[in-house]
Amino acid sequence: MRVMGNWREYQIRRLANDPEAAIDFLRMTLEEYLADGDLTFFLKEICVFIESQGGVPELSKRTGIDAETLSDTLFNEVTPRLDMLSTILKSFECQLSVEPMYCNTKT
């Protein structure tokens, strides 16, 4: 009988092996958070991404931020500070950006 893993484990493996998919996953996660404001979901998905990239120990090395501080930020369902989120994203060569939510069609 074939043993099935769970969805989270599958996502972690998939994102670990496909850097482009990992960035798309981050983008989608942020878009969903901006649309529905579900902080719990957002933080869980950010943690999936981080696990796929080596986990909190690797993130700590990349950012220079203490692993305990990162864990507190990511696992306590408290809104992360913008500078902390920006630092995490920069460590994966990503950035926050601002784009209009609508297209102005007036000429």
PDB file of N, CA and C in Angstrom:
ATOM      1  N   MET A   1       0.843  -1.178   0.000  1.00  0.00           N
ATOM      2  CA  MET A   1       0.000   0.000   0.000  1.00  0.00           C
ATOM      3  C   MET A   1       0.889   1.242   0.000  1.00  0.00           C
ATOM      4  N   ARG A   2       0.561   2.196  -0.840  1.00  0.00           N
ATOM      5  CA  ARG A   2       1.319   3.436  -0.940  1.00  0.00           C
ATOM      6  C   ARG A   2       0.943   4.384   0.205  1.00  0.00           C
ATOM      7  N   VAL A   3       1.935   4.923   0.863  1.00  0.00           N
ATOM      8  CA  VAL A   3       1.686   5.861   1.968  1.00  0.00           C
ATOM      9  C   VAL A   3       1.612   7.265   1.378  1.00  0.00           C
ATOM     10  N   MET A   4       0.549   7.968   1.719  1.00  0.00           N
ATOM     11  CA  MET A   4       0.335   9.327   1.222  1.00  0.00           C
ATOM     12  C   MET A   4       0.789  10.329   2.277  1.00  0.00           C
ATOM     13  N   GLY A   5       1.501  11.362   1.844  1.00  0.00           N
ATOM     14  CA  GLY A   5       1.872  12.446   2.745  1.00  0.00           C
ATOM     15  C   GLY A   5       0.749  13.463   2.787  1.00  0.00           C
ATOM     16  N   ASN A   6       0.898  14.455   3.607  1.00  0.00           N
ATOM     17  CA  ASN A   6      -0.135  15.483   3.645  1.00  0.00           C
ATOM     18  C   ASN A   6       0.198  16.608   2.666  1.00  0.00           C
ATOM     19  N   TRP A   7      -0.756  17.471   2.465  1.00  0.00           N
ATOM     20  CA  TRP A   7      -0.636  18.552   1.485  1.00  0.00           C
ATOM     21  C   TRP A   7       0.523  19.489   1.815  1.00  0.00           C
ATOM     22  N   ARG A   8       0.679  19.820   3.075  1.00  0.00           N
ATOM     23  CA  ARG A   8       1.748  20.723   3.499  1.00  0.00           C
ATOM     24  C   ARG A   8       3.117  20.141   3.128  1.00  0.00           C
ATOM     25  N   GLU A   9       3.319  18.868   3.414  1.00  0.00           N
ATOM     26  CA  GLU A   9       4.590  18.221   3.079  1.00  0.00           C
ATOM     27  C   GLU A   9       4.825  18.217   1.572  1.00  0.00           C
ATOM     28  N   TYR A  10       3.770  17.974   0.814  1.00  0.00           N
ATOM     29  CA  TYR A  10       3.884  17.996  -0.648  1.00  0.00           C
ATOM     30  C   TYR A  10       4.310  19.390  -1.126  1.00  0.00           C
ATOM     31  N   GLN A  11       3.653  20.420  -0.596  1.00  0.00           N
ATOM     32  CA  GLN A  11       3.981  21.791  -0.986  1.00  0.00           C
ATOM     33  C   GLN A  11       5.432  22.128  -0.651  1.00  0.00           C
ATOM     34  N   ILE A  12       5.880  21.736   0.512  1.00  0.00           N
ATOM     35  CA  ILE A  12       7.258  22.014   0.928  1.00  0.00           C
ATOM     36  C   ILE A  12       8.233  21.374  -0.053  1.00  0.00           C
ATOM     37  N   ARG A  13       8.018  20.107  -0.395  1.00  0.00           N
ATOM     38  CA  ARG A  13       8.900  19.423  -1.356  1.00  0.00           C
ATOM     39  C   ARG A  13       8.853  20.092  -2.722  1.00  0.00           C
ATOM     40  N   ARG A  14       7.661  20.438  -3.168  1.00  0.00           N
ATOM     41  CA  ARG A  14       7.494  21.054  -4.491  1.00  0.00           C
ATOM     42  C   ARG A  14       8.207  22.399  -4.561  1.00  0.00           C
ATOM     43  N   LEU A  15       8.021  23.228  -3.559  1.00  0.00           N
ATOM     44  CA  LEU A  15       8.627  24.559  -3.546  1.00  0.00           C
ATOM     45  C   LEU A  15      10.139  24.495  -3.372  1.00  0.00           C
ATOM     46  N   ALA A  16      10.615  23.489  -2.647  1.00  0.00           N
ATOM     47  CA  ALA A  16      12.056  23.337  -2.444  1.00  0.00           C
ATOM     48  C   ALA A  16      12.765  23.046  -3.762  1.00  0.00           C
ATOM     49  N   ASN A  17      12.071  22.390  -4.682  1.00  0.00           N
ATOM     50  CA  ASN A  17      12.686  21.963  -5.940  1.00  0.00           C
ATOM     51  C   ASN A  17      12.394  22.879  -7.117  1.00  0.00           C
ATOM     52  N   ASP A  18      11.614  23.942  -6.890  1.00  0.00           N
ATOM     53  CA  ASP A  18      11.230  24.815  -7.998  1.00  0.00           C
ATOM     54  C   ASP A  18      11.207  26.268  -7.527  1.00  0.00           C
ATOM     55  N   PRO A  19      12.328  26.983  -7.670  1.00  0.00           N
ATOM     56  CA  PRO A  19      12.410  28.361  -7.179  1.00  0.00           C
ATOM     57  C   PRO A  19      11.345  29.284  -7.775  1.00  0.00           C
ATOM     58  N   GLU A  20      11.020  29.114  -9.034  1.00  0.00           N
ATOM     59  CA  GLU A  20       9.998  29.954  -9.654  1.00  0.00           C
ATOM     60  C   GLU A  20       8.623  29.697  -9.032  1.00  0.00           C
ATOM     61  N   ALA A  21       8.312  28.435  -8.783  1.00  0.00           N
ATOM     62  CA  ALA A  21       7.048  28.099  -8.125  1.00  0.00           C
ATOM     63  C   ALA A  21       7.017  28.664  -6.708  1.00  0.00           C
ATOM     64  N   ALA A  22       8.162  28.676  -6.036  1.00  0.00           N
ATOM     65  CA  ALA A  22       8.226  29.210  -4.674  1.00  0.00           C
ATOM     66  C   ALA A  22       7.897  30.702  -4.659  1.00  0.00           C
ATOM     67  N   ILE A  23       8.431  31.451  -5.627  1.00  0.00           N
ATOM     68  CA  ILE A  23       8.137  32.883  -5.701  1.00  0.00           C
ATOM     69  C   ILE A  23       6.665  33.102  -6.066  1.00  0.00           C
ATOM     70  N   ASP A  24       6.148  32.320  -6.988  1.00  0.00           N
ATOM     71  CA  ASP A  24       4.725  32.418  -7.328  1.00  0.00           C
ATOM     72  C   ASP A  24       3.848  32.112  -6.117  1.00  0.00           C
ATOM     73  N   PHE A  25       4.264  31.130  -5.321  1.00  0.00           N
ATOM     74  CA  PHE A  25       3.530  30.767  -4.108  1.00  0.00           C
ATOM     75  C   PHE A  25       3.500  31.946  -3.139  1.00  0.00           C
ATOM     76  N   LEU A  26       4.643  32.612  -2.959  1.00  0.00           N
ATOM     77  CA  LEU A  26       4.693  33.798  -2.093  1.00  0.00           C
ATOM     78  C   LEU A  26       3.762  34.887  -2.604  1.00  0.00           C
ATOM     79  N   ARG A  27       3.810  35.122  -3.907  1.00  0.00           N
ATOM     80  CA  ARG A  27       2.972  36.152  -4.523  1.00  0.00           C
ATOM     81  C   ARG A  27       1.486  35.841  -4.295  1.00  0.00           C
ATOM     82  N   MET A  28       1.094  34.596  -4.539  1.00  0.00           N
ATOM     83  CA  MET A  28      -0.299  34.201  -4.354  1.00  0.00           C
ATOM     84  C   MET A  28      -0.728  34.332  -2.887  1.00  0.00           C
ATOM     85  N   THR A  29       0.170  33.935  -1.986  1.00  0.00           N
ATOM     86  CA  THR A  29      -0.135  34.018  -0.557  1.00  0.00           C
ATOM     87  C   THR A  29      -0.387  35.463  -0.136  1.00  0.00           C
ATOM     88  N   LEU A  30       0.449  36.370  -0.601  1.00  0.00           N
ATOM     89  CA  LEU A  30       0.269  37.785  -0.275  1.00  0.00           C
ATOM     90  C   LEU A  30      -1.009  38.332  -0.895  1.00  0.00           C
ATOM     91  N   GLU A  31      -1.289  37.977  -2.140  1.00  0.00           N
ATOM     92  CA  GLU A  31      -2.516  38.439  -2.790  1.00  0.00           C
ATOM     93  C   GLU A  31      -3.758  37.966  -2.043  1.00  0.00           C
ATOM     94  N   GLU A  32      -3.749  36.713  -1.608  1.00  0.00           N
ATOM     95  CA  GLU A  32      -4.893  36.193  -0.852  1.00  0.00           C
ATOM     96  C   GLU A  32      -5.044  36.927   0.477  1.00  0.00           C
ATOM     97  N   TYR A  33      -3.920  37.188   1.146  1.00  0.00           N
ATOM     98  CA  TYR A  33      -3.991  37.927   2.408  1.00  0.00           C
ATOM     99  C   TYR A  33      -4.559  39.323   2.193  1.00  0.00           C
ATOM    100  N   LEU A  34      -4.106  39.995   1.146  1.00  0.00           N
ATOM    101  CA  LEU A  34      -4.604  41.345   0.867  1.00  0.00           C
ATOM    102  C   LEU A  34      -6.091  41.328   0.518  1.00  0.00           C
ATOM    103  N   ALA A  35      -6.552  40.246  -0.096  1.00  0.00           N
ATOM    104  CA  ALA A  35      -7.965  40.143  -0.479  1.00  0.00           C
ATOM    105  C   ALA A  35      -8.864  39.824   0.712  1.00  0.00           C
ATOM    106  N   ASP A  36      -8.419  38.916   1.587  1.00  0.00           N
ATOM    107  CA  ASP A  36      -9.334  38.490   2.656  1.00  0.00           C
ATOM    108  C   ASP A  36      -8.868  38.823   4.069  1.00  0.00           C
ATOM    109  N   GLY A  37      -7.622  39.278   4.238  1.00  0.00           N
ATOM    110  CA  GLY A  37      -7.134  39.681   5.554  1.00  0.00           C
ATOM    111  C   GLY A  37      -6.970  38.548   6.539  1.00  0.00           C
ATOM    112  N   ASP A  38      -6.914  37.304   6.073  1.00  0.00           N
ATOM    113  CA  ASP A  38      -6.797  36.148   6.961  1.00  0.00           C
ATOM    114  C   ASP A  38      -5.338  35.970   7.378  1.00  0.00           C
ATOM    115  N   LEU A  39      -4.971  36.573   8.500  1.00  0.00           N
ATOM    116  CA  LEU A  39      -3.591  36.559   8.972  1.00  0.00           C
ATOM    117  C   LEU A  39      -3.130  35.142   9.312  1.00  0.00           C
ATOM    118  N   THR A  40      -3.990  34.344   9.907  1.00  0.00           N
ATOM    119  CA  THR A  40      -3.622  32.976  10.270  1.00  0.00           C
ATOM    120  C   THR A  40      -3.197  32.191   9.038  1.00  0.00           C
ATOM    121  N   PHE A  41      -3.996  32.259   7.973  1.00  0.00           N
ATOM    122  CA  PHE A  41      -3.661  31.567   6.722  1.00  0.00           C
ATOM    123  C   PHE A  41      -2.354  32.112   6.153  1.00  0.00           C
ATOM    124  N   PHE A  42      -2.222  33.417   6.127  1.00  0.00           N
ATOM    125  CA  PHE A  42      -1.029  34.063   5.578  1.00  0.00           C
ATOM    126  C   PHE A  42       0.232  33.562   6.278  1.00  0.00           C
ATOM    127  N   LEU A  43       0.237  33.563   7.603  1.00  0.00           N
ATOM    128  CA  LEU A  43       1.414  33.135   8.346  1.00  0.00           C
ATOM    129  C   LEU A  43       1.698  31.652   8.148  1.00  0.00           C
ATOM    130  N   LYS A  44       0.656  30.834   8.071  1.00  0.00           N
ATOM    131  CA  LYS A  44       0.863  29.398   7.823  1.00  0.00           C
ATOM    132  C   LYS A  44       1.505  29.171   6.467  1.00  0.00           C
ATOM    133  N   GLU A  45       1.062  29.897   5.463  1.00  0.00           N
ATOM    134  CA  GLU A  45       1.619  29.722   4.125  1.00  0.00           C
ATOM    135  C   GLU A  45       3.040  30.278   4.035  1.00  0.00           C
ATOM    136  N   ILE A  46       3.324  31.371   4.727  1.00  0.00           N
ATOM    137  CA  ILE A  46       4.691  31.886   4.770  1.00  0.00           C
ATOM    138  C   ILE A  46       5.600  30.839   5.419  1.00  0.00           C
ATOM    139  N   CYS A  47       5.096  30.170   6.442  1.00  0.00           N
ATOM    140  CA  CYS A  47       5.880  29.122   7.102  1.00  0.00           C
ATOM    141  C   CYS A  47       6.136  27.938   6.173  1.00  0.00           C
ATOM    142  N   VAL A  48       5.162  27.593   5.327  1.00  0.00           N
ATOM    143  CA  VAL A  48       5.372  26.538   4.324  1.00  0.00           C
ATOM    144  C   VAL A  48       6.517  26.939   3.403  1.00  0.00           C
ATOM    145  N   PHE A  49       6.491  28.183   2.935  1.00  0.00           N
ATOM    146  CA  PHE A  49       7.563  28.678   2.074  1.00  0.00           C
ATOM    147  C   PHE A  49       8.909  28.598   2.789  1.00  0.00           C
ATOM    148  N   ILE A  50       8.961  29.086   4.016  1.00  0.00           N
ATOM    149  CA  ILE A  50      10.213  29.100   4.764  1.00  0.00           C
ATOM    150  C   ILE A  50      10.726  27.678   4.986  1.00  0.00           C
ATOM    151  N   GLU A  51       9.839  26.758   5.334  1.00  0.00           N
ATOM    152  CA  GLU A  51      10.244  25.359   5.501  1.00  0.00           C
ATOM    153  C   GLU A  51      10.815  24.801   4.204  1.00  0.00           C
ATOM    154  N   SER A  52      10.249  25.183   3.081  1.00  0.00           N
ATOM    155  CA  SER A  52      10.727  24.676   1.789  1.00  0.00           C
ATOM    156  C   SER A  52      12.114  25.209   1.446  1.00  0.00           C
ATOM    157  N   GLN A  53      12.499  26.293   2.085  1.00  0.00           N
ATOM    158  CA  GLN A  53      13.786  26.920   1.794  1.00  0.00           C
ATOM    159  C   GLN A  53      14.821  26.655   2.893  1.00  0.00           C
ATOM    160  N   GLY A  54      14.569  25.667   3.738  1.00  0.00           N
ATOM    161  CA  GLY A  54      15.545  25.291   4.767  1.00  0.00           C
ATOM    162  C   GLY A  54      15.096  25.555   6.181  1.00  0.00           C
ATOM    163  N   GLY A  55      13.920  26.144   6.348  1.00  0.00           N
ATOM    164  CA  GLY A  55      13.369  26.354   7.674  1.00  0.00           C
ATOM    165  C   GLY A  55      13.912  27.578   8.389  1.00  0.00           C
ATOM    166  N   VAL A  56      13.501  27.732   9.628  1.00  0.00           N
ATOM    167  CA  VAL A  56      13.885  28.890  10.432  1.00  0.00           C
ATOM    168  C   VAL A  56      15.401  28.963  10.637  1.00  0.00           C
ATOM    169  N   PRO A  57      16.100  27.832  10.847  1.00  0.00           N
ATOM    170  CA  PRO A  57      17.560  27.948  11.002  1.00  0.00           C
ATOM    171  C   PRO A  57      18.234  28.576   9.769  1.00  0.00           C
ATOM    172  N   GLU A  58      17.817  28.165   8.589  1.00  0.00           N
ATOM    173  CA  GLU A  58      18.385  28.737   7.361  1.00  0.00           C
ATOM    174  C   GLU A  58      17.992  30.203   7.218  1.00  0.00           C
ATOM    175  N   LEU A  59      16.735  30.523   7.526  1.00  0.00           N
ATOM    176  CA  LEU A  59      16.278  31.913   7.456  1.00  0.00           C
ATOM    177  C   LEU A  59      17.070  32.779   8.435  1.00  0.00           C
ATOM    178  N   SER A  60      17.344  32.244   9.610  1.00  0.00           N
ATOM    179  CA  SER A  60      18.130  32.971  10.604  1.00  0.00           C
ATOM    180  C   SER A  60      19.520  33.294  10.061  1.00  0.00           C
ATOM    181  N   LYS A  61      20.145  32.330   9.392  1.00  0.00           N
ATOM    182  CA  LYS A  61      21.467  32.566   8.787  1.00  0.00           C
ATOM    183  C   LYS A  61      21.384  33.632   7.708  1.00  0.00           C
ATOM    184  N   ARG A  62      20.352  33.562   6.878  1.00  0.00           N
ATOM    185  CA  ARG A  62      20.208  34.499   5.757  1.00  0.00           C
ATOM    186  C   ARG A  62      19.956  35.928   6.221  1.00  0.00           C
ATOM    187  N   THR A  63      19.150  36.064   7.273  1.00  0.00           N
ATOM    188  CA  THR A  63      18.730  37.394   7.705  1.00  0.00           C
ATOM    189  C   THR A  63      19.583  37.982   8.820  1.00  0.00           C
ATOM    190  N   GLY A  64      20.277  37.122   9.554  1.00  0.00           N
ATOM    191  CA  GLY A  64      21.016  37.595  10.719  1.00  0.00           C
ATOM    192  C   GLY A  64      20.102  37.854  11.908  1.00  0.00           C
ATOM    193  N   ILE A  65      18.865  37.400  11.808  1.00  0.00           N
ATOM    194  CA  ILE A  65      17.895  37.563  12.898  1.00  0.00           C
ATOM    195  C   ILE A  65      17.875  36.270  13.704  1.00  0.00           C
ATOM    196  N   ASP A  66      17.914  36.403  15.009  1.00  0.00           N
ATOM    197  CA  ASP A  66      17.879  35.274  15.924  1.00  0.00           C
ATOM    198  C   ASP A  66      16.723  34.329  15.588  1.00  0.00           C
ATOM    199  N   ALA A  67      16.975  33.016  15.585  1.00  0.00           N
ATOM    200  CA  ALA A  67      15.956  32.023  15.243  1.00  0.00           C
ATOM    201  C   ALA A  67      14.737  32.114  16.172  1.00  0.00           C
ATOM    202  N   GLU A  68      14.962  32.388  17.435  1.00  0.00           N
ATOM    203  CA  GLU A  68      13.845  32.497  18.383  1.00  0.00           C
ATOM    204  C   GLU A  68      12.946  33.686  18.028  1.00  0.00           C
ATOM    205  N   THR A  69      13.554  34.791  17.662  1.00  0.00           N
ATOM    206  CA  THR A  69      12.786  35.976  17.255  1.00  0.00           C
ATOM    207  C   THR A  69      11.965  35.671  16.006  1.00  0.00           C
ATOM    208  N   LEU A  70      12.590  35.001  15.048  1.00  0.00           N
ATOM    209  CA  LEU A  70      11.861  34.629  13.829  1.00  0.00           C
ATOM    210  C   LEU A  70      10.697  33.709  14.152  1.00  0.00           C
ATOM    211  N   SER A  71      10.931  32.709  14.988  1.00  0.00           N
ATOM    212  CA  SER A  71       9.865  31.782  15.364  1.00  0.00           C
ATOM    213  C   SER A  71       8.720  32.512  16.055  1.00  0.00           C
ATOM    214  N   ASP A  72       9.058  33.415  16.981  1.00  0.00           N
ATOM    215  CA  ASP A  72       8.023  34.193  17.658  1.00  0.00           C
ATOM    216  C   ASP A  72       7.212  35.002  16.654  1.00  0.00           C
ATOM    217  N   THR A  73       7.891  35.584  15.689  1.00  0.00           N
ATOM    218  CA  THR A  73       7.217  36.406  14.686  1.00  0.00           C
ATOM    219  C   THR A  73       6.309  35.565  13.803  1.00  0.00           C
ATOM    220  N   LEU A  74       6.767  34.401  13.415  1.00  0.00           N
ATOM    221  CA  LEU A  74       6.043  33.591  12.439  1.00  0.00           C
ATOM    222  C   LEU A  74       4.972  32.690  13.042  1.00  0.00           C
ATOM    223  N   PHE A  75       5.135  32.258  14.270  1.00  0.00           N
ATOM    224  CA  PHE A  75       4.239  31.245  14.815  1.00  0.00           C
ATOM    225  C   PHE A  75       3.286  31.737  15.896  1.00  0.00           C
ATOM    226  N   ASN A  76       3.250  33.046  16.171  1.00  0.00           N
ATOM    227  CA  ASN A  76       2.398  33.545  17.239  1.00  0.00           C
ATOM    228  C   ASN A  76       1.160  34.285  16.755  1.00  0.00           C
ATOM    229  N   GLU A  77       0.883  34.238  15.458  1.00  0.00           N
ATOM    230  CA  GLU A  77      -0.298  34.881  14.882  1.00  0.00           C
ATOM    231  C   GLU A  77      -0.414  36.352  15.263  1.00  0.00           C
ATOM    232  N   VAL A  78       0.714  36.999  15.362  1.00  0.00           N
ATOM    233  CA  VAL A  78       0.759  38.437  15.582  1.00  0.00           C
ATOM    234  C   VAL A  78       1.226  39.031  14.261  1.00  0.00           C
ATOM    235  N   THR A  79       0.615  40.116  13.869  1.00  0.00           N
ATOM    236  CA  THR A  79       0.994  40.729  12.606  1.00  0.00           C
ATOM    237  C   THR A  79       2.478  41.059  12.622  1.00  0.00           C
ATOM    238  N   PRO A  80       3.235  40.483  11.672  1.00  0.00           N
ATOM    239  CA  PRO A  80       4.667  40.802  11.644  1.00  0.00           C
ATOM    240  C   PRO A  80       4.883  42.252  11.262  1.00  0.00           C
ATOM    241  N   ARG A  81       5.903  42.844  11.835  1.00  0.00           N
ATOM    242  CA  ARG A  81       6.244  44.217  11.472  1.00  0.00           C
ATOM    243  C   ARG A  81       6.684  44.233  10.022  1.00  0.00           C
ATOM    244  N   LEU A  82       6.403  45.325   9.356  1.00  0.00           N
ATOM    245  CA  LEU A  82       6.729  45.464   7.945  1.00  0.00           C
ATOM    246  C   LEU A  82       8.222  45.306   7.698  1.00  0.00           C
ATOM    247  N   ASP A  83       9.057  45.856   8.572  1.00  0.00           N
ATOM    248  CA  ASP A  83      10.495  45.727   8.370  1.00  0.00           C
ATOM    249  C   ASP A  83      10.965  44.283   8.508  1.00  0.00           C
ATOM    250  N   MET A  84      10.331  43.516   9.398  1.00  0.00           N
ATOM    251  CA  MET A  84      10.678  42.102   9.565  1.00  0.00           C
ATOM    252  C   MET A  84      10.285  41.319   8.311  1.00  0.00           C
ATOM    253  N   LEU A  85       9.088  41.548   7.811  1.00  0.00           N
ATOM    254  CA  LEU A  85       8.632  40.867   6.603  1.00  0.00           C
ATOM    255  C   LEU A  85       9.516  41.239   5.415  1.00  0.00           C
ATOM    256  N   SER A  86       9.870  42.503   5.319  1.00  0.00           N
ATOM    257  CA  SER A  86      10.744  42.954   4.240  1.00  0.00           C
ATOM    258  C   SER A  86      12.114  42.281   4.322  1.00  0.00           C
ATOM    259  N   THR A  87      12.664  42.154   5.510  1.00  0.00           N
ATOM    260  CA  THR A  87      13.955  41.497   5.697  1.00  0.00           C
ATOM    261  C   THR A  87      13.885  40.029   5.293  1.00  0.00           C
ATOM    262  N   ILE A  88      12.819  39.360   5.688  1.00  0.00           N
ATOM    263  CA  ILE A  88      12.639  37.952   5.318  1.00  0.00           C
ATOM    264  C   ILE A  88      12.576  37.808   3.805  1.00  0.00           C
ATOM    265  N   LEU A  89      11.771  38.645   3.162  1.00  0.00           N
ATOM    266  CA  LEU A  89      11.638  38.563   1.709  1.00  0.00           C
ATOM    267  C   LEU A  89      12.961  38.874   1.006  1.00  0.00           C
ATOM    268  N   LYS A  90      13.674  39.878   1.480  1.00  0.00           N
ATOM    269  CA  LYS A  90      14.968  40.226   0.872  1.00  0.00           C
ATOM    270  C   LYS A  90      15.949  39.072   0.959  1.00  0.00           C
ATOM    271  N   SER A  91      15.879  38.293   2.025  1.00  0.00           N
ATOM    272  CA  SER A  91      16.808  37.175   2.167  1.00  0.00           C
ATOM    273  C   SER A  91      16.578  36.115   1.090  1.00  0.00           C
ATOM    274  N   PHE A  92      15.399  36.145   0.465  1.00  0.00           N
ATOM    275  CA  PHE A  92      15.088  35.238  -0.643  1.00  0.00           C
ATOM    276  C   PHE A  92      15.068  35.977  -1.973  1.00  0.00           C
ATOM    277  N   GLU A  93      15.723  37.148  -1.978  1.00  0.00           N
ATOM    278  CA  GLU A  93      15.826  37.987  -3.168  1.00  0.00           C
ATOM    279  C   GLU A  93      14.457  38.385  -3.722  1.00  0.00           C
ATOM    280  N   CYS A  94      13.553  38.722  -2.803  1.00  0.00           N
ATOM    281  CA  CYS A  94      12.218  39.219  -3.144  1.00  0.00           C
ATOM    282  C   CYS A  94      12.029  40.572  -2.465  1.00  0.00           C
ATOM    283  N   GLN A  95      11.004  41.283  -2.860  1.00  0.00           N
ATOM    284  CA  GLN A  95      10.710  42.565  -2.237  1.00  0.00           C
ATOM    285  C   GLN A  95       9.210  42.793  -2.189  1.00  0.00           C
ATOM    286  N   LEU A  96       8.820  43.637  -1.271  1.00  0.00           N
ATOM    287  CA  LEU A  96       7.436  44.084  -1.237  1.00  0.00           C
ATOM    288  C   LEU A  96       7.257  45.126  -2.326  1.00  0.00           C
ATOM    289  N   SER A  97       6.086  45.184  -2.907  1.00  0.00           N
ATOM    290  CA  SER A  97       5.839  46.219  -3.900  1.00  0.00           C
ATOM    291  C   SER A  97       4.410  46.715  -3.761  1.00  0.00           C
ATOM    292  N   VAL A  98       4.182  47.884  -4.299  1.00  0.00           N
ATOM    293  CA  VAL A  98       2.856  48.485  -4.276  1.00  0.00           C
ATOM    294  C   VAL A  98       2.394  48.631  -5.719  1.00  0.00           C
ATOM    295  N   GLU A  99       1.196  48.135  -5.985  1.00  0.00           N
ATOM    296  CA  GLU A  99       0.619  48.223  -7.318  1.00  0.00           C
ATOM    297  C   GLU A  99      -0.822  48.700  -7.182  1.00  0.00           C
ATOM    298  N   PRO A 100      -1.335  49.403  -8.172  1.00  0.00           N
ATOM    299  CA  PRO A 100      -2.723  49.832  -8.084  1.00  0.00           C
ATOM    300  C   PRO A 100      -3.664  48.629  -8.119  1.00  0.00           C
ATOM    301  N   MET A 101      -4.764  48.741  -7.398  1.00  0.00           N
ATOM    302  CA  MET A 101      -5.743  47.665  -7.357  1.00  0.00           C
ATOM    303  C   MET A 101      -6.687  47.692  -8.550  1.00  0.00           C
ATOM    304  N   TYR A 102      -6.664  48.769  -9.283  1.00  0.00           N
ATOM    305  CA  TYR A 102      -7.547  48.895 -10.435  1.00  0.00           C
ATOM    306  C   TYR A 102      -6.785  49.595 -11.539  1.00  0.00           C
ATOM    307  N   CYS A 103      -7.304  49.467 -12.728  1.00  0.00           N
ATOM    308  CA  CYS A 103      -6.690  50.116 -13.881  1.00  0.00           C
ATOM    309  C   CYS A 103      -7.535  51.325 -14.241  1.00  0.00           C
ATOM    310  N   ASN A 104      -6.929  52.489 -14.264  1.00  0.00           N
ATOM    311  CA  ASN A 104      -7.631  53.708 -14.637  1.00  0.00           C
ATOM    312  C   ASN A 104      -7.710  53.777 -16.152  1.00  0.00           C
ATOM    313  N   THR A 105      -8.908  53.693 -16.705  1.00  0.00           N
ATOM    314  CA  THR A 105      -9.064  53.654 -18.155  1.00  0.00           C
ATOM    315  C   THR A 105      -9.343  55.034 -18.758  1.00  0.00           C
ATOM    316  N   LYS A 106      -9.379  56.069 -17.926  1.00  0.00           N
ATOM    317  CA  LYS A 106      -9.596  57.418 -18.447  1.00  0.00           C
ATOM    318  C   LYS A 106      -8.374  57.868 -19.228  1.00  0.00           C
ATOM    319  N   THR A 107      -8.621  58.576 -20.306  1.00  0.00           N
ATOM    320  CA  THR A 107      -7.501  59.098 -21.095  1.00  0.00           C
ATOM    321  C   THR A 107      -7.499  60.587 -21.080  1.00  0.00           C
TER     322      THR A 107
END
